[in-house]
PDB file of N, CA and C in Angstrom:
ATOM      1  N   MET A   1     -27.245  56.695  54.511  1.00  0.00           N
ATOM      2  CA  MET A   1     -28.476  57.072  53.853  1.00  0.00           C
ATOM      3  C   MET A   1     -29.419  55.885  53.786  1.00  0.00           C
ATOM      4  N   GLY A   2     -28.859  54.697  53.603  1.00  0.00           N
ATOM      5  CA  GLY A   2     -29.668  53.495  53.523  1.00  0.00           C
ATOM      6  C   GLY A   2     -30.383  53.179  54.820  1.00  0.00           C
ATOM      7  N   LEU A   3     -29.847  53.635  55.933  1.00  0.00           N
ATOM      8  CA  LEU A   3     -30.466  53.407  57.233  1.00  0.00           C
ATOM      9  C   LEU A   3     -31.470  54.492  57.602  1.00  0.00           C
ATOM     10  N   GLY A   4     -31.537  55.525  56.775  1.00  0.00           N
ATOM     11  CA  GLY A   4     -32.441  56.622  57.068  1.00  0.00           C
ATOM     12  C   GLY A   4     -31.935  57.540  58.163  1.00  0.00           C
ATOM     13  N   ARG A   5     -30.643  57.510  58.403  1.00  0.00           N
ATOM     14  CA  ARG A   5     -30.043  58.368  59.426  1.00  0.00           C
ATOM     15  C   ARG A   5     -29.152  59.410  58.755  1.00  0.00           C
ATOM     16  N   ALA A   6     -29.198  60.605  59.282  1.00  0.00           N
ATOM     17  CA  ALA A   6     -28.328  61.656  58.761  1.00  0.00           C
ATOM     18  C   ALA A   6     -26.921  61.472  59.306  1.00  0.00           C
ATOM     19  N   VAL A   7     -25.948  61.837  58.506  1.00  0.00           N
ATOM     20  CA  VAL A   7     -24.560  61.842  58.955  1.00  0.00           C
ATOM     21  C   VAL A   7     -24.306  63.187  59.600  1.00  0.00           C
ATOM     22  N   ASN A   8     -23.798  63.182  60.831  1.00  0.00           N
ATOM     23  CA  ASN A   8     -23.545  64.431  61.547  1.00  0.00           C
ATOM     24  C   ASN A   8     -22.094  64.874  61.478  1.00  0.00           C
ATOM     25  N   VAL A   9     -21.171  63.906  61.561  1.00  0.00           N
ATOM     26  CA  VAL A   9     -19.741  64.206  61.610  1.00  0.00           C
ATOM     27  C   VAL A   9     -18.996  63.206  60.730  1.00  0.00           C
ATOM     28  N   ALA A  10     -18.020  63.704  59.993  1.00  0.00           N
ATOM     29  CA  ALA A  10     -17.166  62.829  59.180  1.00  0.00           C
ATOM     30  C   ALA A  10     -15.733  63.321  59.272  1.00  0.00           C
ATOM     31  N   LYS A  11     -14.813  62.373  59.237  1.00  0.00           N
ATOM     32  CA  LYS A  11     -13.395  62.710  59.368  1.00  0.00           C
ATOM     33  C   LYS A  11     -12.598  61.847  58.393  1.00  0.00           C
ATOM     34  N   ASN A  12     -11.678  62.494  57.684  1.00  0.00           N
ATOM     35  CA  ASN A  12     -10.790  61.778  56.777  1.00  0.00           C
ATOM     36  C   ASN A  12      -9.575  62.649  56.519  1.00  0.00           C
ATOM     37  N   HIS A  13      -8.445  62.018  56.297  1.00  0.00           N
ATOM     38  CA  HIS A  13      -7.211  62.761  56.041  1.00  0.00           C
ATOM     39  C   HIS A  13      -7.144  63.291  54.609  1.00  0.00           C
ATOM     40  N   SER A  14      -7.985  62.763  53.721  1.00  0.00           N
ATOM     41  CA  SER A  14      -7.927  63.117  52.308  1.00  0.00           C
ATOM     42  C   SER A  14      -8.906  64.244  51.976  1.00  0.00           C
ATOM     43  N   PRO A  15      -8.396  65.373  51.492  1.00  0.00           N
ATOM     44  CA  PRO A  15      -9.292  66.459  51.085  1.00  0.00           C
ATOM     45  C   PRO A  15     -10.268  66.017  49.987  1.00  0.00           C
ATOM     46  N   GLN A  16      -9.816  65.138  49.093  1.00  0.00           N
ATOM     47  CA  GLN A  16     -10.689  64.657  48.032  1.00  0.00           C
ATOM     48  C   GLN A  16     -11.837  63.825  48.600  1.00  0.00           C
ATOM     49  N   ALA A  17     -11.545  62.969  49.579  1.00  0.00           N
ATOM     50  CA  ALA A  17     -12.587  62.154  50.205  1.00  0.00           C
ATOM     51  C   ALA A  17     -13.583  63.041  50.945  1.00  0.00           C
ATOM     52  N   ILE A  18     -13.087  64.033  51.662  1.00  0.00           N
ATOM     53  CA  ILE A  18     -13.963  64.954  52.378  1.00  0.00           C
ATOM     54  C   ILE A  18     -14.808  65.757  51.398  1.00  0.00           C
ATOM     55  N   SER A  19     -14.231  66.157  50.279  1.00  0.00           N
ATOM     56  CA  SER A  19     -14.974  66.906  49.264  1.00  0.00           C
ATOM     57  C   SER A  19     -16.141  66.079  48.731  1.00  0.00           C
ATOM     58  N   MET A  20     -15.894  64.824  48.409  1.00  0.00           N
ATOM     59  CA  MET A  20     -16.963  63.966  47.901  1.00  0.00           C
ATOM     60  C   MET A  20     -18.009  63.689  48.980  1.00  0.00           C
ATOM     61  N   HIS A  21     -17.557  63.491  50.196  1.00  0.00           N
ATOM     62  CA  HIS A  21     -18.484  63.240  51.291  1.00  0.00           C
ATOM     63  C   HIS A  21     -19.363  64.467  51.540  1.00  0.00           C
ATOM     64  N   THR A  22     -18.801  65.651  51.388  1.00  0.00           N
ATOM     65  CA  THR A  22     -19.556  66.890  51.562  1.00  0.00           C
ATOM     66  C   THR A  22     -20.661  67.005  50.517  1.00  0.00           C
ATOM     67  N   VAL A  23     -20.372  66.573  49.308  1.00  0.00           N
ATOM     68  CA  VAL A  23     -21.394  66.579  48.262  1.00  0.00           C
ATOM     69  C   VAL A  23     -22.534  65.635  48.641  1.00  0.00           C
ATOM     70  N   ASN A  24     -22.188  64.452  49.139  1.00  0.00           N
ATOM     71  CA  ASN A  24     -23.190  63.446  49.478  1.00  0.00           C
ATOM     72  C   ASN A  24     -23.909  63.721  50.799  1.00  0.00           C
ATOM     73  N   HIS A  25     -23.235  64.405  51.720  1.00  0.00           N
ATOM     74  CA  HIS A  25     -23.795  64.677  53.053  1.00  0.00           C
ATOM     75  C   HIS A  25     -23.528  66.136  53.434  1.00  0.00           C
ATOM     76  N   PRO A  26     -24.202  67.079  52.762  1.00  0.00           N
ATOM     77  CA  PRO A  26     -23.910  68.500  52.987  1.00  0.00           C
ATOM     78  C   PRO A  26     -24.224  68.991  54.397  1.00  0.00           C
ATOM     79  N   GLY A  27     -25.069  68.300  55.123  1.00  0.00           N
ATOM     80  CA  GLY A  27     -25.416  68.733  56.473  1.00  0.00           C
ATOM     81  C   GLY A  27     -24.446  68.268  57.543  1.00  0.00           C
ATOM     82  N   ALA A  28     -23.486  67.445  57.180  1.00  0.00           N
ATOM     83  CA  ALA A  28     -22.524  66.918  58.148  1.00  0.00           C
ATOM     84  C   ALA A  28     -21.409  67.934  58.407  1.00  0.00           C
ATOM     85  N   GLN A  29     -20.838  67.834  59.579  1.00  0.00           N
ATOM     86  CA  GLN A  29     -19.647  68.620  59.897  1.00  0.00           C
ATOM     87  C   GLN A  29     -18.454  67.774  59.472  1.00  0.00           C
ATOM     88  N   HIS A  30     -17.569  68.347  58.669  1.00  0.00           N
ATOM     89  CA  HIS A  30     -16.452  67.598  58.110  1.00  0.00           C
ATOM     90  C   HIS A  30     -15.118  68.069  58.675  1.00  0.00           C
ATOM     91  N   PHE A  31     -14.258  67.094  58.953  1.00  0.00           N
ATOM     92  CA  PHE A  31     -12.911  67.372  59.462  1.00  0.00           C
ATOM     93  C   PHE A  31     -11.897  66.715  58.534  1.00  0.00           C
ATOM     94  N   THR A  32     -11.028  67.532  57.976  1.00  0.00           N
ATOM     95  CA  THR A  32      -9.951  67.007  57.139  1.00  0.00           C
ATOM     96  C   THR A  32      -8.732  66.847  58.042  1.00  0.00           C
ATOM     97  N   THR A  33      -8.612  65.657  58.622  1.00  0.00           N
ATOM     98  CA  THR A  33      -7.550  65.378  59.576  1.00  0.00           C
ATOM     99  C   THR A  33      -7.383  63.873  59.714  1.00  0.00           C
ATOM    100  N   GLU A  34      -6.317  63.468  60.324  1.00  0.00           N
ATOM    101  CA  GLU A  34      -6.112  62.053  60.615  1.00  0.00           C
ATOM    102  C   GLU A  34      -7.123  61.607  61.664  1.00  0.00           C
ATOM    103  N   VAL A  35      -7.572  60.388  61.565  1.00  0.00           N
ATOM    104  CA  VAL A  35      -8.561  59.863  62.503  1.00  0.00           C
ATOM    105  C   VAL A  35      -8.023  59.842  63.937  1.00  0.00           C
ATOM    106  N   PHE A  36      -6.709  59.764  64.089  1.00  0.00           N
ATOM    107  CA  PHE A  36      -6.090  59.730  65.414  1.00  0.00           C
ATOM    108  C   PHE A  36      -6.100  61.095  66.085  1.00  0.00           C
ATOM    109  N   ASP A  37      -6.267  62.157  65.283  1.00  0.00           N
ATOM    110  CA  ASP A  37      -6.217  63.516  65.814  1.00  0.00           C
ATOM    111  C   ASP A  37      -7.613  64.011  66.186  1.00  0.00           C
ATOM    112  N   GLY A  38      -7.655  64.959  67.086  1.00  0.00           N
ATOM    113  CA  GLY A  38      -8.918  65.572  67.472  1.00  0.00           C
ATOM    114  C   GLY A  38      -9.540  64.912  68.689  1.00  0.00           C
ATOM    115  N   ASP A  39     -10.585  65.544  69.162  1.00  0.00           N
ATOM    116  CA  ASP A  39     -11.308  65.072  70.340  1.00  0.00           C
ATOM    117  C   ASP A  39     -12.750  64.781  69.939  1.00  0.00           C
ATOM    118  N   PRO A  40     -13.175  63.512  70.009  1.00  0.00           N
ATOM    119  CA  PRO A  40     -14.531  63.170  69.592  1.00  0.00           C
ATOM    120  C   PRO A  40     -15.617  63.929  70.350  1.00  0.00           C
ATOM    121  N   ASP A  41     -15.416  64.205  71.623  1.00  0.00           N
ATOM    122  CA  ASP A  41     -16.414  64.946  72.392  1.00  0.00           C
ATOM    123  C   ASP A  41     -16.599  66.358  71.832  1.00  0.00           C
ATOM    124  N   THR A  42     -15.496  66.990  71.482  1.00  0.00           N
ATOM    125  CA  THR A  42     -15.555  68.332  70.907  1.00  0.00           C
ATOM    126  C   THR A  42     -16.155  68.278  69.503  1.00  0.00           C
ATOM    127  N   GLU A  43     -15.695  67.321  68.705  1.00  0.00           N
ATOM    128  CA  GLU A  43     -16.167  67.213  67.326  1.00  0.00           C
ATOM    129  C   GLU A  43     -17.657  66.887  67.249  1.00  0.00           C
ATOM    130  N   CYS A  44     -18.176  66.188  68.225  1.00  0.00           N
ATOM    131  CA  CYS A  44     -19.602  65.839  68.253  1.00  0.00           C
ATOM    132  C   CYS A  44     -20.419  66.835  69.060  1.00  0.00           C
ATOM    133  N   GLY A  45     -19.790  67.916  69.473  1.00  0.00           N
ATOM    134  CA  GLY A  45     -20.509  68.951  70.212  1.00  0.00           C
ATOM    135  C   GLY A  45     -21.024  68.491  71.562  1.00  0.00           C
ATOM    136  N   GLY A  46     -20.351  67.489  72.140  1.00  0.00           N
ATOM    137  CA  GLY A  46     -20.754  66.982  73.446  1.00  0.00           C
ATOM    138  C   GLY A  46     -21.974  66.074  73.407  1.00  0.00           C
ATOM    139  N   LYS A  47     -22.513  65.818  72.223  1.00  0.00           N
ATOM    140  CA  LYS A  47     -23.694  64.961  72.087  1.00  0.00           C
ATOM    141  C   LYS A  47     -23.284  63.493  72.090  1.00  0.00           C
ATOM    142  N   ALA A  48     -24.174  62.660  72.582  1.00  0.00           N
ATOM    143  CA  ALA A  48     -23.933  61.216  72.566  1.00  0.00           C
ATOM    144  C   ALA A  48     -23.957  60.717  71.126  1.00  0.00           C
ATOM    145  N   VAL A  49     -23.143  59.727  70.847  1.00  0.00           N
ATOM    146  CA  VAL A  49     -23.088  59.130  69.521  1.00  0.00           C
ATOM    147  C   VAL A  49     -24.042  57.946  69.489  1.00  0.00           C
ATOM    148  N   GLY A  50     -25.023  58.000  68.583  1.00  0.00           N
ATOM    149  CA  GLY A  50     -25.998  56.924  68.476  1.00  0.00           C
ATOM    150  C   GLY A  50     -25.604  55.866  67.466  1.00  0.00           C
ATOM    151  N   TRP A  51     -24.778  56.244  66.507  1.00  0.00           N
ATOM    152  CA  TRP A  51     -24.320  55.300  65.484  1.00  0.00           C
ATOM    153  C   TRP A  51     -22.915  55.716  65.095  1.00  0.00           C
ATOM    154  N   PHE A  52     -21.996  54.766  65.123  1.00  0.00           N
ATOM    155  CA  PHE A  52     -20.598  55.042  64.783  1.00  0.00           C
ATOM    156  C   PHE A  52     -20.192  54.092  63.677  1.00  0.00           C
ATOM    157  N   HIS A  53     -19.924  54.632  62.508  1.00  0.00           N
ATOM    158  CA  HIS A  53     -19.509  53.813  61.372  1.00  0.00           C
ATOM    159  C   HIS A  53     -18.063  54.141  61.057  1.00  0.00           C
ATOM    160  N   MET A  54     -17.278  53.119  60.930  1.00  0.00           N
ATOM    161  CA  MET A  54     -15.857  53.309  60.650  1.00  0.00           C
ATOM    162  C   MET A  54     -15.445  52.365  59.536  1.00  0.00           C
ATOM    163  N   SER A  55     -14.678  52.873  58.603  1.00  0.00           N
ATOM    164  CA  SER A  55     -14.182  52.055  57.503  1.00  0.00           C
ATOM    165  C   SER A  55     -12.662  52.035  57.549  1.00  0.00           C
ATOM    166  N   PRO A  56     -12.081  50.974  58.099  1.00  0.00           N
ATOM    167  CA  PRO A  56     -10.621  50.898  58.137  1.00  0.00           C
ATOM    168  C   PRO A  56     -10.025  50.914  56.732  1.00  0.00           C
ATOM    169  N   ASP A  57      -8.857  51.466  56.620  1.00  0.00           N
ATOM    170  CA  ASP A  57      -8.138  51.553  55.356  1.00  0.00           C
ATOM    171  C   ASP A  57      -7.811  50.156  54.846  1.00  0.00           C
ATOM    172  N   CYS A  58      -8.107  49.899  53.592  1.00  0.00           N
ATOM    173  CA  CYS A  58      -7.790  48.581  53.026  1.00  0.00           C
ATOM    174  C   CYS A  58      -6.672  48.648  52.007  1.00  0.00           C
ATOM    175  N   THR A  59      -6.283  49.861  51.598  1.00  0.00           N
ATOM    176  CA  THR A  59      -5.294  49.972  50.533  1.00  0.00           C
ATOM    177  C   THR A  59      -3.915  49.486  50.942  1.00  0.00           C
ATOM    178  N   HIS A  60      -3.661  49.397  52.228  1.00  0.00           N
ATOM    179  CA  HIS A  60      -2.338  48.988  52.675  1.00  0.00           C
ATOM    180  C   HIS A  60      -2.242  47.500  52.980  1.00  0.00           C
ATOM    181  N   HIS A  61      -3.372  46.797  52.981  1.00  0.00           N
ATOM    182  CA  HIS A  61      -3.279  45.373  53.294  1.00  0.00           C
ATOM    183  C   HIS A  61      -4.161  44.501  52.414  1.00  0.00           C
ATOM    184  N   SER A  62      -4.690  45.053  51.329  1.00  0.00           N
ATOM    185  CA  SER A  62      -5.493  44.226  50.435  1.00  0.00           C
ATOM    186  C   SER A  62      -4.574  43.364  49.572  1.00  0.00           C
ATOM    187  N   GLN A  63      -5.141  42.332  49.007  1.00  0.00           N
ATOM    188  CA  GLN A  63      -4.367  41.460  48.126  1.00  0.00           C
ATOM    189  C   GLN A  63      -3.865  42.197  46.893  1.00  0.00           C
ATOM    190  N   ALA A  64      -4.553  43.274  46.512  1.00  0.00           N
ATOM    191  CA  ALA A  64      -4.158  44.037  45.332  1.00  0.00           C
ATOM    192  C   ALA A  64      -2.782  44.671  45.482  1.00  0.00           C
ATOM    193  N   VAL A  65      -2.359  44.919  46.704  1.00  0.00           N
ATOM    194  CA  VAL A  65      -1.037  45.526  46.909  1.00  0.00           C
ATOM    195  C   VAL A  65      -0.070  44.540  47.553  1.00  0.00           C
ATOM    196  N   GLY A  66      -0.375  43.269  47.479  1.00  0.00           N
ATOM    197  CA  GLY A  66       0.546  42.266  47.985  1.00  0.00           C
ATOM    198  C   GLY A  66       0.339  41.887  49.433  1.00  0.00           C
ATOM    199  N   GLY A  67      -0.624  42.471  50.103  1.00  0.00           N
ATOM    200  CA  GLY A  67      -0.940  42.081  51.472  1.00  0.00           C
ATOM    201  C   GLY A  67       0.000  42.607  52.543  1.00  0.00           C
ATOM    202  N   GLN A  68       0.915  43.488  52.202  1.00  0.00           N
ATOM    203  CA  GLN A  68       1.853  44.012  53.190  1.00  0.00           C
ATOM    204  C   GLN A  68       1.570  45.480  53.491  1.00  0.00           C
ATOM    205  N   PRO A  69       1.390  45.835  54.748  1.00  0.00           N
ATOM    206  CA  PRO A  69       1.165  47.247  55.092  1.00  0.00           C
ATOM    207  C   PRO A  69       2.363  48.103  54.701  1.00  0.00           C
ATOM    208  N   ARG A  70       2.088  49.281  54.184  1.00  0.00           N
ATOM    209  CA  ARG A  70       3.166  50.214  53.838  1.00  0.00           C
ATOM    210  C   ARG A  70       3.502  51.136  54.991  1.00  0.00           C
ATOM    211  N   LYS A  71       2.568  51.321  55.909  1.00  0.00           N
ATOM    212  CA  LYS A  71       2.794  52.182  57.059  1.00  0.00           C
ATOM    213  C   LYS A  71       2.384  51.414  58.309  1.00  0.00           C
ATOM    214  N   ARG A  72       3.242  51.377  59.286  1.00  0.00           N
ATOM    215  CA  ARG A  72       2.958  50.622  60.499  1.00  0.00           C
ATOM    216  C   ARG A  72       1.709  51.133  61.234  1.00  0.00           C
ATOM    217  N   GLU A  73       1.507  52.465  61.253  1.00  0.00           N
ATOM    218  CA  GLU A  73       0.370  53.006  61.993  1.00  0.00           C
ATOM    219  C   GLU A  73      -0.973  52.596  61.375  1.00  0.00           C
ATOM    220  N   ILE A  74      -0.979  52.176  60.118  1.00  0.00           N
ATOM    221  CA  ILE A  74      -2.221  51.713  59.490  1.00  0.00           C
ATOM    222  C   ILE A  74      -2.770  50.516  60.244  1.00  0.00           C
ATOM    223  N   ARG A  75      -1.895  49.684  60.806  1.00  0.00           N
ATOM    224  CA  ARG A  75      -2.343  48.529  61.578  1.00  0.00           C
ATOM    225  C   ARG A  75      -3.158  48.937  62.796  1.00  0.00           C
ATOM    226  N   ASN A  76      -2.986  50.152  63.265  1.00  0.00           N
ATOM    227  CA  ASN A  76      -3.683  50.631  64.456  1.00  0.00           C
ATOM    228  C   ASN A  76      -5.075  51.175  64.170  1.00  0.00           C
ATOM    229  N   LEU A  77      -5.459  51.278  62.912  1.00  0.00           N
ATOM    230  CA  LEU A  77      -6.744  51.874  62.581  1.00  0.00           C
ATOM    231  C   LEU A  77      -7.919  51.152  63.215  1.00  0.00           C
ATOM    232  N   SER A  78      -7.879  49.852  63.284  1.00  0.00           N
ATOM    233  CA  SER A  78      -9.012  49.136  63.850  1.00  0.00           C
ATOM    234  C   SER A  78      -9.168  49.419  65.344  1.00  0.00           C
ATOM    235  N   TRP A  79      -8.092  49.782  66.011  1.00  0.00           N
ATOM    236  CA  TRP A  79      -8.164  50.081  67.448  1.00  0.00           C
ATOM    237  C   TRP A  79      -8.772  51.426  67.733  1.00  0.00           C
ATOM    238  N   ILE A  80      -8.748  52.328  66.761  1.00  0.00           N
ATOM    239  CA  ILE A  80      -9.278  53.672  67.002  1.00  0.00           C
ATOM    240  C   ILE A  80     -10.777  53.604  67.279  1.00  0.00           C
ATOM    241  N   GLY A  81     -11.471  52.660  66.656  1.00  0.00           N
ATOM    242  CA  GLY A  81     -12.904  52.507  66.912  1.00  0.00           C
ATOM    243  C   GLY A  81     -13.177  52.160  68.362  1.00  0.00           C
ATOM    244  N   LEU A  82     -12.388  51.259  68.922  1.00  0.00           N
ATOM    245  CA  LEU A  82     -12.562  50.903  70.320  1.00  0.00           C
ATOM    246  C   LEU A  82     -12.215  52.069  71.243  1.00  0.00           C
ATOM    247  N   LYS A  83     -11.164  52.789  70.882  1.00  0.00           N
ATOM    248  CA  LYS A  83     -10.754  53.936  71.683  1.00  0.00           C
ATOM    249  C   LYS A  83     -11.835  55.019  71.682  1.00  0.00           C
ATOM    250  N   ARG A  84     -12.403  55.284  70.520  1.00  0.00           N
ATOM    251  CA  ARG A  84     -13.431  56.325  70.402  1.00  0.00           C
ATOM    252  C   ARG A  84     -14.738  55.896  71.071  1.00  0.00           C
ATOM    253  N   ALA A  85     -15.004  54.605  71.095  1.00  0.00           N
ATOM    254  CA  ALA A  85     -16.238  54.112  71.700  1.00  0.00           C
ATOM    255  C   ALA A  85     -16.172  54.111  73.215  1.00  0.00           C
ATOM    256  N   ALA A  86     -14.967  54.116  73.776  1.00  0.00           N
ATOM    257  CA  ALA A  86     -14.810  54.050  75.234  1.00  0.00           C
ATOM    258  C   ALA A  86     -15.177  55.354  75.919  1.00  0.00           C
TER     259      ALA A  86
END
């Protein structure tokens, strides 16, 4: 919103996160699924992506939880951005 751009697509595994995002961005298409699942081309309706914002999970490696990942696949989250951008 700060950039003056509408959000078109959002994806999160948490129904609560998607619910809040829907309130804030009612015009976006929302997917309640793991970021690793799905096809970005299908989810974006075949349109080119002009802006891709990704927020890697911090709850598994922040200092607040001792700095140790609880799930090994969480370490792969940063790679999904590169995979989706390719």
